[in-house]
Structures are given as C-alpha cells and as structure tokens.
Amino acid sequence: MEPRESWAALAAGGVAGVCVDLIFFPLDTVKTRLQSPQGFRKAGGFRGIYAGVPSTAIGSFPNAAAFFITYENVKSMLPHSSTPYLTPATHMVAASLGEVVACLIRVPSEVVKQRAQVSSSSSTLRILSHTLYHEGIQGLYRGYKSTVLREIPFSLVQFPLWESLKDLWSWKQGHVVDSWQSAVCGAFAGGFAAAVTTPLDVAKTRIMLAKAGSSDASGNVLATLGDVWRTQGLSGLFAGVVPRMAAIALGGFIFLGTYEKTRQLLL
C-alpha cells in the first residue's frame, strides 16, 4: 500500500469516526443507560444526554483512523485469491486486526465516556482522574478483552457483508458503487451486525461500569452474560438493542459513506 493511500485511509477514517460519534452520541447514551445495572432512570434517564462527550470527541479521530489504516494495509498485504469465496476471509482478518489496534485507543475513551453517561453530575476530567487515582492505567483498560470480543464478531459480520453488498451492487449496475450506495450497504451491514452482537455489548457495558472488586469487574465475559441471563433473561441480554441498531445502522450509513467519499477526494 502506497504512503498516499495510507494517509488517505487514516484521514478519511478519522473524519468519518468524528462525524458519526458526535452525531449519534445521544442514542449511545440512551443505550448505555438501558444496559446499566442500576437501570435506565437511576442512570440518568434522558437527562444530561451529552454527558461524556469530551471523551468521545478526543478519542474518536485516532480510534477510527487506527482502525482504517490497519484495515486497508492488512487487506493490501494479504494474498488476493482468484477464488471469490475466499475474499470475505481477507476482509474478516483485516477487520479483526483493525479492531485489536483501534481498541487500544477506544477502550480508555469508552470507559470514561460510559461512566460519565451514567453519572452525569461528574465531569469527564473528574471521572478520568478518579479512575486513574483508584485503579491506575489498568482501570482505563477495564473491559479491553470484552470490547475486543464484541468488536471482532461485529467486524466479522459487518465488513464482509458491506464489501459483498458493494460488489453485488457494482455487478448489478455495471460500475463501481458511488459513495451514497456504499453508505446504504454500510447501514444494512451495521444494523444487522449490531443486532446479533448486542449481548456482547451488554457484557462490555456491565464490565466497564462495575465497581472495582466486584465480580463483573474481573472482566469475565461469559460469567457476566450468565449473570445477566439469570437475573433478566433474554430481555437483559438484548437490552438497548433498538437504540444500538438505530445508531449503528444510521452511523454505518454516515461512517462508511463519509469514509469512501473522503478517501476518494484525497486520492
């Protein structure tokens, strides 16, 4: 992959990430509060809907940029098979590695953001300093494993589906899809992936919000899912699925559409 293409992927990914995260932040807050162990109302309800937004604003660009520069570079390095059935595997590997790298930036931002979302009376800076003082750097990375375990299955569904839908649409119309068509494919792929990975998102939220020393704070995803299943059943595992699907489907439209358009402009 040429340096110019790498820079284009980095810049386009960053711009797309900032646009989506800030536009759909209120939906993300609602989703987090629905998944909170204390319940939607006690977590803040519809009050302070932009609590935690500074953390997102700071982490969004480098997070999305890290994902796409990794995704595009890994795709270019992997051997291109003439067998179309193996193409999704390339996208799966590239997306998975992209998520592992991006989560190094995303998780600290997500921890601070989610704690601010369920405690809107505390500022982002106060939550950051409190976390560092009481838990150290490892406190900012609480939920790293659960986030990666959520993001990899999500990407394994979203990106091969997105790429396949684009290829199908291109084949149908006889030319490469436009950026708005890529956005439509991204919306469908994102919404579907969001629905099937919601239980993993619930586990990630519970682990990040858990009090230090509690069983959920240990980061055991299966144990957390089991606890949610025993106490709340299927509805608990899919808590927040509607705002999550709505945010990610609409976000996929803007995110992947903006990425494609910005990358085309830069190349």
Protein backbone atom coordinates (compact mmCIF):
# COMPACT_ATOMS: atom_id res chain seq x y z
CA MET A 1 0.00 0.00 0.00
CA GLU A 2 1.45 3.39 -1.04
CA PRO A 3 2.06 6.10 1.59
CA ARG A 4 -0.53 8.34 -0.06
CA GLU A 5 -3.18 5.62 0.25
CA SER A 6 -2.26 5.03 3.90
CA TRP A 7 -2.60 8.73 4.71
CA ALA A 8 -5.91 8.88 2.85
CA ALA A 9 -7.23 5.89 4.84
CA LEU A 10 -6.05 7.46 8.10
CA ALA A 11 -7.60 10.87 7.41
CA ALA A 12 -10.84 9.52 5.92
CA GLY A 13 -11.32 7.09 8.80
CA GLY A 14 -10.72 9.81 11.39
CA VAL A 15 -13.15 12.25 9.77
CA ALA A 16 -15.81 9.55 9.43
CA GLY A 17 -15.39 8.48 13.06
CA VAL A 18 -15.76 12.00 14.46
CA CYS A 19 -18.87 12.69 12.36
CA VAL A 20 -20.67 9.54 13.49
CA ASP A 21 -19.69 9.53 17.16
CA LEU A 22 -20.75 13.13 17.75
CA ILE A 23 -23.97 12.98 15.70
CA PHE A 24 -25.26 9.82 17.39
CA PHE A 25 -23.92 10.42 20.88
CA PRO A 26 -27.41 10.88 22.45
CA LEU A 27 -28.52 7.45 21.16
CA ASP A 28 -25.36 5.91 22.58
CA THR A 29 -26.10 7.49 25.98
CA VAL A 30 -29.63 6.04 25.98
CA LYS A 31 -28.25 2.62 25.03
CA THR A 32 -25.63 2.72 27.81
CA ARG A 33 -28.22 3.70 30.43
CA LEU A 34 -30.59 0.94 29.30
CA GLN A 35 -27.75 -1.57 29.78
CA SER A 36 -26.60 -0.12 33.12
CA PRO A 37 -27.07 -2.47 36.12
CA GLN A 38 -28.76 0.36 38.08
CA GLY A 39 -31.45 0.77 35.42
CA PHE A 40 -32.32 3.49 32.92
CA ARG A 41 -33.91 6.01 35.30
CA LYS A 42 -31.30 5.79 38.06
CA ALA A 43 -28.54 6.04 35.46
CA GLY A 44 -29.92 9.41 34.39
CA GLY A 45 -32.84 8.71 32.07
CA PHE A 46 -32.96 11.38 29.38
CA ARG A 47 -31.12 13.96 31.50
CA GLY A 48 -27.61 15.10 30.61
CA ILE A 49 -27.75 13.26 27.31
CA TYR A 50 -24.34 14.64 26.25
CA ALA A 51 -22.53 13.60 29.42
CA GLY A 52 -19.14 12.12 28.46
CA VAL A 53 -18.99 13.75 25.03
CA PRO A 54 -15.49 15.30 25.59
CA SER A 55 -14.03 11.80 25.93
CA THR A 56 -15.63 10.76 22.64
CA ALA A 57 -14.55 13.96 20.88
CA ILE A 58 -10.91 13.37 21.87
CA GLY A 59 -10.77 9.63 21.18
CA SER A 60 -12.92 9.40 18.07
CA PHE A 61 -10.46 10.55 15.37
CA PRO A 62 -7.41 8.46 16.40
CA ASN A 63 -9.62 5.45 17.11
CA ALA A 64 -11.29 5.37 13.67
CA ALA A 65 -8.05 6.37 11.92
CA ALA A 66 -6.17 3.50 13.60
CA PHE A 67 -8.84 1.02 12.50
CA PHE A 68 -8.93 2.01 8.84
CA ILE A 69 -5.18 2.39 8.31
CA THR A 70 -4.76 -1.11 9.77
CA TYR A 71 -7.72 -2.50 7.79
CA GLU A 72 -6.55 -1.14 4.44
CA ASN A 73 -2.89 -2.09 4.98
CA VAL A 74 -3.70 -5.65 6.06
CA LYS A 75 -6.04 -6.06 3.07
CA SER A 76 -3.27 -4.94 0.72
CA MET A 77 -0.70 -7.28 2.31
CA LEU A 78 -2.83 -10.41 2.28
CA PRO A 79 -2.66 -12.53 -0.90
CA HIS A 80 -5.52 -11.82 -3.31
CA SER A 81 -7.12 -15.10 -4.29
CA SER A 82 -8.84 -15.62 -7.62
CA THR A 83 -11.48 -17.58 -5.71
CA PRO A 84 -14.25 -15.14 -4.72
CA TYR A 85 -15.31 -17.36 -1.83
CA LEU A 86 -12.06 -16.57 -0.01
CA THR A 87 -12.40 -12.78 -0.37
CA PRO A 88 -14.61 -12.43 2.77
CA ALA A 89 -11.88 -14.17 4.77
CA THR A 90 -9.46 -11.39 3.79
CA HIS A 91 -11.94 -8.77 4.98
CA MET A 92 -12.51 -10.70 8.22
CA VAL A 93 -8.80 -10.92 9.06
CA ALA A 94 -8.19 -7.26 8.17
CA ALA A 95 -11.19 -6.05 10.19
CA SER A 96 -10.27 -8.19 13.20
CA LEU A 97 -6.70 -6.87 13.32
CA GLY A 98 -8.02 -3.34 12.80
CA GLU A 99 -10.26 -3.71 15.86
CA VAL A 100 -7.45 -5.05 18.06
CA VAL A 101 -5.34 -1.97 17.25
CA ALA A 102 -8.21 0.53 17.45
CA CYS A 103 -9.34 -0.79 20.85
CA LEU A 104 -6.04 0.32 22.36
CA ILE A 105 -7.34 3.86 21.84
CA ARG A 106 -11.08 3.21 22.05
CA VAL A 107 -11.27 1.43 25.41
CA PRO A 108 -9.90 4.23 27.68
CA SER A 109 -12.16 6.71 25.89
CA GLU A 110 -15.12 4.33 26.21
CA VAL A 111 -14.54 3.67 29.93
CA VAL A 112 -14.53 7.39 30.76
CA LYS A 113 -17.45 8.11 28.43
CA GLN A 114 -19.71 5.37 29.79
CA ARG A 115 -19.01 6.25 33.41
CA ALA A 116 -19.88 9.87 32.63
CA GLN A 117 -23.06 8.77 30.85
CA VAL A 118 -24.41 7.05 33.98
CA SER A 119 -23.13 9.74 36.35
CA SER A 120 -23.90 12.98 34.53
CA SER A 121 -23.21 15.04 37.67
CA SER A 122 -19.47 14.24 37.35
CA SER A 123 -17.30 15.85 34.69
CA THR A 124 -15.24 13.84 32.21
CA LEU A 125 -11.98 15.13 33.72
CA ARG A 126 -13.10 14.24 37.25
CA ILE A 127 -14.03 10.69 36.19
CA LEU A 128 -10.69 10.31 34.39
CA SER A 129 -8.69 11.46 37.42
CA HIS A 130 -10.81 9.36 39.82
CA THR A 131 -10.27 6.25 37.68
CA LEU A 132 -6.51 6.81 37.45
CA TYR A 133 -6.20 7.52 41.18
CA HIS A 134 -8.18 4.49 42.37
CA GLU A 135 -7.49 1.94 39.61
CA GLY A 136 -4.44 3.17 37.73
CA ILE A 137 -3.92 2.72 33.99
CA GLN A 138 -5.45 -0.76 34.17
CA GLY A 139 -8.70 0.89 35.21
CA LEU A 140 -8.84 2.70 31.88
CA TYR A 141 -8.36 -0.63 30.13
CA ARG A 142 -11.02 -2.44 32.12
CA GLY A 143 -13.19 -4.13 29.53
CA TYR A 144 -10.47 -4.30 26.84
CA LYS A 145 -10.95 -8.03 26.38
CA SER A 146 -14.74 -7.76 26.39
CA THR A 147 -14.57 -4.86 23.91
CA VAL A 148 -12.32 -6.82 21.55
CA LEU A 149 -14.59 -9.88 21.97
CA ARG A 150 -17.52 -7.64 20.98
CA GLU A 151 -15.81 -5.79 18.15
CA ILE A 152 -14.24 -8.77 16.39
CA PRO A 153 -17.53 -10.68 15.92
CA PHE A 154 -19.16 -7.37 14.94
CA SER A 155 -16.49 -6.73 12.30
CA LEU A 156 -16.58 -10.35 11.14
CA VAL A 157 -20.22 -9.74 10.24
CA GLN A 158 -20.19 -6.07 9.19
CA PHE A 159 -17.21 -5.70 6.90
CA PRO A 160 -17.52 -8.86 4.75
CA LEU A 161 -21.25 -8.09 4.42
CA TRP A 162 -20.51 -4.45 3.49
CA GLU A 163 -17.88 -5.43 0.92
CA SER A 164 -20.11 -8.19 -0.51
CA LEU A 165 -23.11 -5.86 -0.84
CA LYS A 166 -20.94 -3.29 -2.61
CA ASP A 167 -19.61 -5.95 -5.02
CA LEU A 168 -23.14 -7.19 -5.71
CA TRP A 169 -24.46 -3.67 -6.36
CA SER A 170 -21.45 -2.90 -8.58
CA TRP A 171 -22.06 -6.07 -10.58
CA LYS A 172 -25.77 -5.29 -10.95
CA GLN A 173 -25.23 -1.76 -12.29
CA GLY A 174 -22.05 -2.44 -14.23
CA HIS A 175 -19.76 0.04 -12.44
CA VAL A 176 -18.25 0.68 -9.02
CA VAL A 177 -20.73 1.89 -6.39
CA ASP A 178 -20.97 5.59 -5.58
CA SER A 179 -20.28 6.80 -2.03
CA TRP A 180 -24.01 7.05 -1.22
CA GLN A 181 -24.53 3.46 -2.38
CA SER A 182 -21.61 2.37 -0.20
CA ALA A 183 -23.35 4.21 2.66
CA VAL A 184 -26.60 2.28 2.10
CA CYS A 185 -24.66 -1.01 2.16
CA GLY A 186 -22.93 0.15 5.33
CA ALA A 187 -26.23 0.93 7.03
CA PHE A 188 -27.64 -2.54 6.35
CA ALA A 189 -24.42 -4.32 7.34
CA GLY A 190 -24.03 -2.25 10.51
CA GLY A 191 -27.62 -2.68 11.68
CA PHE A 192 -27.52 -6.45 11.19
CA ALA A 193 -24.14 -6.80 12.93
CA ALA A 194 -25.36 -4.60 15.81
CA ALA A 195 -28.40 -6.79 16.42
CA VAL A 196 -26.54 -10.11 16.62
CA THR A 197 -23.72 -8.79 18.84
CA THR A 198 -25.88 -6.90 21.38
CA PRO A 199 -25.34 -9.48 24.20
CA LEU A 200 -21.58 -8.93 23.91
CA ASP A 201 -22.17 -5.17 24.07
CA VAL A 202 -24.25 -5.63 27.23
CA ALA A 203 -21.42 -7.64 28.83
CA LYS A 204 -18.89 -4.97 27.85
CA THR A 205 -21.03 -2.20 29.36
CA ARG A 206 -21.57 -4.11 32.63
CA ILE A 207 -17.82 -4.79 32.98
CA MET A 208 -16.86 -1.16 32.34
CA LEU A 209 -19.46 0.18 34.79
CA ALA A 210 -18.85 -2.40 37.54
CA LYS A 211 -17.45 -1.24 40.87
CA ALA A 212 -13.81 -2.13 41.48
CA GLY A 213 -13.54 -5.50 43.20
CA SER A 214 -16.97 -6.77 42.09
CA SER A 215 -17.41 -10.00 40.13
CA ASP A 216 -18.20 -8.14 36.90
CA ALA A 217 -15.05 -6.01 37.26
CA SER A 218 -12.95 -9.15 36.74
CA GLY A 219 -13.74 -8.91 33.03
CA ASN A 220 -15.10 -12.45 32.61
CA VAL A 221 -17.49 -12.06 29.67
CA LEU A 222 -19.15 -15.47 29.99
CA ALA A 223 -19.73 -15.02 33.72
CA THR A 224 -21.24 -11.58 33.13
CA LEU A 225 -23.52 -12.91 30.38
CA GLY A 226 -24.57 -15.76 32.66
CA ASP A 227 -25.40 -13.33 35.45
CA VAL A 228 -27.49 -11.16 33.12
CA TRP A 229 -29.31 -14.25 31.82
CA ARG A 230 -30.13 -15.46 35.36
CA THR A 231 -31.38 -12.09 36.59
CA GLN A 232 -33.00 -10.58 33.50
CA GLY A 233 -33.31 -13.34 30.91
CA LEU A 234 -33.31 -12.74 27.16
CA SER A 235 -34.54 -9.15 27.52
CA GLY A 236 -31.47 -8.36 29.64
CA LEU A 237 -29.09 -9.82 27.07
CA PHE A 238 -30.67 -7.64 24.35
CA ALA A 239 -31.11 -4.51 26.47
CA GLY A 240 -30.64 -1.42 24.32
CA VAL A 241 -30.84 -3.38 21.06
CA VAL A 242 -33.16 -0.85 19.36
CA PRO A 243 -31.07 2.30 20.01
CA ARG A 244 -27.91 0.28 19.29
CA MET A 245 -29.28 -0.91 15.93
CA ALA A 246 -30.60 2.55 15.09
CA ALA A 247 -27.34 4.29 15.99
CA ILE A 248 -25.11 1.79 14.20
CA ALA A 249 -27.30 1.48 11.08
CA LEU A 250 -27.51 5.25 10.70
CA GLY A 251 -23.91 5.52 11.82
CA GLY A 252 -22.87 2.91 9.26
CA PHE A 253 -24.55 4.99 6.56
CA ILE A 254 -22.62 8.11 7.53
CA PHE A 255 -19.41 6.40 8.68
CA LEU A 256 -18.74 4.19 5.68
CA GLY A 257 -20.22 6.66 3.21
CA THR A 258 -18.10 9.50 4.58
CA TYR A 259 -15.05 7.24 4.62
CA GLU A 260 -15.46 6.29 0.95
CA LYS A 261 -16.18 9.86 -0.16
CA THR A 262 -13.31 11.42 1.82
CA ARG A 263 -10.88 8.74 0.64
CA GLN A 264 -11.90 9.30 -2.99
CA LEU A 265 -11.33 13.06 -2.60
CA LEU A 266 -7.89 12.54 -1.10
CA LEU A 267 -6.66 10.04 -3.70
